Amino acid sequence: MSKVKETSVKQDIKSMLKSVKMEKISGGESFSFKKPGDKLVGVLRGTKKGEYDGKEITIYNIEDCNNKVWGVWESKALEVLSDLPKGAIVSIEFLAKKKGKKGRTFKDFEILSDSVAEIK
């Protein structure tokens, strides 16, 4: 990615961080992407391990512009987050539900970051 485009992305995300209004989702610290357009913008603070349906999962900790740390549960669509360094600014937007090759429904996301050069 060119330096100009990377700088533009950083400015866009920093601008979003200042303008986005976050609201508390029931369930405490887990962020739930319920409908298309739901978005979380913040700083990736790290990960922690959790458990879902008897399986160990990764929970990504993202701090929003109000200093609230949200947990975002691992999914195939979000695994690119594991390639980002701590401190990366990220924007995660739920786009739509889609059907996979085997007919299973999954959530599709747009993920932006100021650390795009770090993604493998």
C-alpha atoms as a PDB file:
ATOM      1  CA  MET A   1       0.000   0.000   0.000  1.00  0.00           C
ATOM      2  CA  SER A   2       1.320   3.415  -0.871  1.00  0.00           C
ATOM      3  CA  LYS A   3       2.286   5.782   1.922  1.00  0.00           C
ATOM      4  CA  VAL A   4      -0.261   8.344   0.666  1.00  0.00           C
ATOM      5  CA  LYS A   5      -3.133   5.850   0.793  1.00  0.00           C
ATOM      6  CA  GLU A   6      -2.011   4.510   4.209  1.00  0.00           C
ATOM      7  CA  THR A   7      -1.882   8.061   5.614  1.00  0.00           C
ATOM      8  CA  SER A   8      -5.340   8.750   4.190  1.00  0.00           C
ATOM      9  CA  VAL A   9      -6.726   5.593   5.831  1.00  0.00           C
ATOM     10  CA  LYS A  10      -5.154   6.617   9.186  1.00  0.00           C
ATOM     11  CA  GLN A  11      -6.742  10.058   8.954  1.00  0.00           C
ATOM     12  CA  ASP A  12     -10.133   8.599   8.016  1.00  0.00           C
ATOM     13  CA  ILE A  13     -10.098   6.164  10.944  1.00  0.00           C
ATOM     14  CA  LYS A  14      -8.918   8.803  13.434  1.00  0.00           C
ATOM     15  CA  SER A  15     -11.714  11.062  12.178  1.00  0.00           C
ATOM     16  CA  MET A  16     -14.233   8.213  12.658  1.00  0.00           C
ATOM     17  CA  LEU A  17     -12.966   7.680  16.208  1.00  0.00           C
ATOM     18  CA  LYS A  18     -13.764  11.288  17.048  1.00  0.00           C
ATOM     19  CA  SER A  19     -17.223  11.282  15.464  1.00  0.00           C
ATOM     20  CA  VAL A  20     -18.597   7.838  16.296  1.00  0.00           C
ATOM     21  CA  LYS A  21     -21.048   7.540  19.190  1.00  0.00           C
ATOM     22  CA  MET A  22     -20.902   4.233  21.026  1.00  0.00           C
ATOM     23  CA  GLU A  23     -23.650   2.788  23.167  1.00  0.00           C
ATOM     24  CA  LYS A  24     -23.516   0.098  25.799  1.00  0.00           C
ATOM     25  CA  ILE A  25     -24.774  -3.248  24.568  1.00  0.00           C
ATOM     26  CA  SER A  26     -26.562  -5.504  27.039  1.00  0.00           C
ATOM     27  CA  GLY A  27     -24.310  -8.312  28.154  1.00  0.00           C
ATOM     28  CA  GLY A  28     -21.641  -6.002  29.546  1.00  0.00           C
ATOM     29  CA  GLU A  29     -18.381  -5.974  27.712  1.00  0.00           C
ATOM     30  CA  SER A  30     -19.162  -8.070  24.612  1.00  0.00           C
ATOM     31  CA  PHE A  31     -19.908  -6.075  21.457  1.00  0.00           C
ATOM     32  CA  SER A  32     -22.730  -7.606  19.454  1.00  0.00           C
ATOM     33  CA  PHE A  33     -23.045  -6.985  15.715  1.00  0.00           C
ATOM     34  CA  LYS A  34     -26.802  -7.476  15.362  1.00  0.00           C
ATOM     35  CA  LYS A  35     -27.801  -5.628  12.197  1.00  0.00           C
ATOM     36  CA  PRO A  36     -26.040  -4.426   9.044  1.00  0.00           C
ATOM     37  CA  GLY A  37     -24.371  -1.093   9.708  1.00  0.00           C
ATOM     38  CA  ASP A  38     -23.429  -1.905  13.319  1.00  0.00           C
ATOM     39  CA  LYS A  39     -19.879  -0.642  13.734  1.00  0.00           C
ATOM     40  CA  LEU A  40     -17.133  -0.677  16.352  1.00  0.00           C
ATOM     41  CA  VAL A  41     -14.218   1.732  15.975  1.00  0.00           C
ATOM     42  CA  GLY A  42     -11.335   1.781  18.413  1.00  0.00           C
ATOM     43  CA  VAL A  43      -7.852   0.689  19.397  1.00  0.00           C
ATOM     44  CA  LEU A  44      -6.924  -3.001  19.518  1.00  0.00           C
ATOM     45  CA  ARG A  45      -5.672  -3.530  23.079  1.00  0.00           C
ATOM     46  CA  GLY A  46      -4.925  -7.246  22.839  1.00  0.00           C
ATOM     47  CA  THR A  47      -6.680 -10.570  23.184  1.00  0.00           C
ATOM     48  CA  LYS A  48      -7.870 -12.936  25.865  1.00  0.00           C
ATOM     49  CA  LYS A  49      -9.054 -16.519  25.774  1.00  0.00           C
ATOM     50  CA  GLY A  50     -12.672 -17.417  26.239  1.00  0.00           C
ATOM     51  CA  GLU A  51     -14.909 -20.423  25.811  1.00  0.00           C
ATOM     52  CA  TYR A  52     -17.933 -20.939  23.600  1.00  0.00           C
ATOM     53  CA  ASP A  53     -19.859 -24.173  23.225  1.00  0.00           C
ATOM     54  CA  GLY A  54     -17.023 -26.105  24.908  1.00  0.00           C
ATOM     55  CA  LYS A  55     -14.362 -24.702  22.555  1.00  0.00           C
ATOM     56  CA  GLU A  56     -11.597 -22.224  23.360  1.00  0.00           C
ATOM     57  CA  ILE A  57     -11.901 -18.995  21.387  1.00  0.00           C
ATOM     58  CA  THR A  58     -10.039 -15.707  21.108  1.00  0.00           C
ATOM     59  CA  ILE A  59     -11.712 -12.501  22.238  1.00  0.00           C
ATOM     60  CA  TYR A  60     -10.275  -9.299  20.767  1.00  0.00           C
ATOM     61  CA  ASN A  61     -10.276  -6.349  23.196  1.00  0.00           C
ATOM     62  CA  ILE A  62     -11.041  -3.053  21.455  1.00  0.00           C
ATOM     63  CA  GLU A  63     -11.138   0.265  23.316  1.00  0.00           C
ATOM     64  CA  ASP A  64     -13.576   2.814  21.885  1.00  0.00           C
ATOM     65  CA  CYS A  65     -13.359   6.618  21.945  1.00  0.00           C
ATOM     66  CA  ASN A  66     -15.121   6.646  25.343  1.00  0.00           C
ATOM     67  CA  ASN A  67     -12.397   4.433  26.881  1.00  0.00           C
ATOM     68  CA  LYS A  68     -14.809   1.483  27.071  1.00  0.00           C
ATOM     69  CA  VAL A  69     -13.136  -1.838  26.269  1.00  0.00           C
ATOM     70  CA  TRP A  70     -15.340  -4.161  24.234  1.00  0.00           C
ATOM     71  CA  GLY A  71     -14.805  -7.867  23.650  1.00  0.00           C
ATOM     72  CA  VAL A  72     -15.254  -9.027  20.058  1.00  0.00           C
ATOM     73  CA  TRP A  73     -15.544 -12.791  19.714  1.00  0.00           C
ATOM     74  CA  GLU A  74     -13.416 -14.642  17.215  1.00  0.00           C
ATOM     75  CA  SER A  75     -14.964 -15.708  13.920  1.00  0.00           C
ATOM     76  CA  LYS A  76     -13.587 -16.732  10.537  1.00  0.00           C
ATOM     77  CA  ALA A  77     -14.611 -13.342   9.113  1.00  0.00           C
ATOM     78  CA  LEU A  78     -12.659 -11.500  11.829  1.00  0.00           C
ATOM     79  CA  GLU A  79      -9.490 -13.624  11.961  1.00  0.00           C
ATOM     80  CA  VAL A  80      -7.527 -10.884  10.144  1.00  0.00           C
ATOM     81  CA  LEU A  81      -7.540  -9.060  13.501  1.00  0.00           C
ATOM     82  CA  SER A  82      -5.045 -11.633  14.801  1.00  0.00           C
ATOM     83  CA  ASP A  83      -2.444 -10.262  12.343  1.00  0.00           C
ATOM     84  CA  LEU A  84      -2.680  -6.711  13.691  1.00  0.00           C
ATOM     85  CA  PRO A  85      -0.363  -5.364  16.390  1.00  0.00           C
ATOM     86  CA  LYS A  86      -1.604  -4.080  19.744  1.00  0.00           C
ATOM     87  CA  GLY A  87      -2.353  -0.392  19.428  1.00  0.00           C
ATOM     88  CA  ALA A  88      -3.708  -0.647  15.878  1.00  0.00           C
ATOM     89  CA  ILE A  89      -6.752   1.499  15.170  1.00  0.00           C
ATOM     90  CA  VAL A  90      -9.550  -0.655  13.770  1.00  0.00           C
ATOM     91  CA  SER A  91     -13.005  -0.152  12.346  1.00  0.00           C
ATOM     92  CA  ILE A  92     -15.265  -3.215  12.137  1.00  0.00           C
ATOM     93  CA  GLU A  93     -18.591  -2.834  10.331  1.00  0.00           C
ATOM     94  CA  PHE A  94     -21.178  -5.590   9.930  1.00  0.00           C
ATOM     95  CA  LEU A  95     -22.181  -5.532   6.243  1.00  0.00           C
ATOM     96  CA  ALA A  96     -24.666  -8.374   5.825  1.00  0.00           C
ATOM     97  CA  LYS A  97     -25.399 -12.030   6.421  1.00  0.00           C
ATOM     98  CA  LYS A  98     -24.255 -14.263   3.566  1.00  0.00           C
ATOM     99  CA  LYS A  99     -24.466 -17.937   2.666  1.00  0.00           C
ATOM    100  CA  GLY A 100     -21.240 -19.900   2.469  1.00  0.00           C
ATOM    101  CA  LYS A 101     -20.357 -22.680   0.023  1.00  0.00           C
ATOM    102  CA  LYS A 102     -21.836 -25.323   2.322  1.00  0.00           C
ATOM    103  CA  GLY A 103     -25.067 -23.358   2.817  1.00  0.00           C
ATOM    104  CA  ARG A 104     -24.253 -22.070   6.298  1.00  0.00           C
ATOM    105  CA  THR A 105     -25.037 -18.430   7.053  1.00  0.00           C
ATOM    106  CA  PHE A 106     -22.242 -16.161   8.280  1.00  0.00           C
ATOM    107  CA  LYS A 107     -21.757 -12.463   8.997  1.00  0.00           C
ATOM    108  CA  ASP A 108     -19.669 -10.483   6.519  1.00  0.00           C
ATOM    109  CA  PHE A 109     -17.584  -7.552   7.817  1.00  0.00           C
ATOM    110  CA  GLU A 110     -15.564  -4.656   6.462  1.00  0.00           C
ATOM    111  CA  ILE A 111     -12.404  -4.250   8.542  1.00  0.00           C
ATOM    112  CA  LEU A 112     -10.240  -1.139   8.240  1.00  0.00           C
ATOM    113  CA  SER A 113      -7.025  -0.448  10.118  1.00  0.00           C
ATOM    114  CA  ASP A 114      -4.226   2.074  10.279  1.00  0.00           C
ATOM    115  CA  SER A 115      -1.861  -0.922  10.363  1.00  0.00           C
ATOM    116  CA  VAL A 116      -2.814  -2.419   7.009  1.00  0.00           C
ATOM    117  CA  ALA A 117       0.866  -2.883   6.139  1.00  0.00           C
ATOM    118  CA  GLU A 118       1.080  -5.291   9.089  1.00  0.00           C
ATOM    119  CA  ILE A 119      -1.617  -7.657   7.763  1.00  0.00           C
ATOM    120  CA  LYS A 120      -0.064 -10.829   6.342  1.00  0.00           C
END
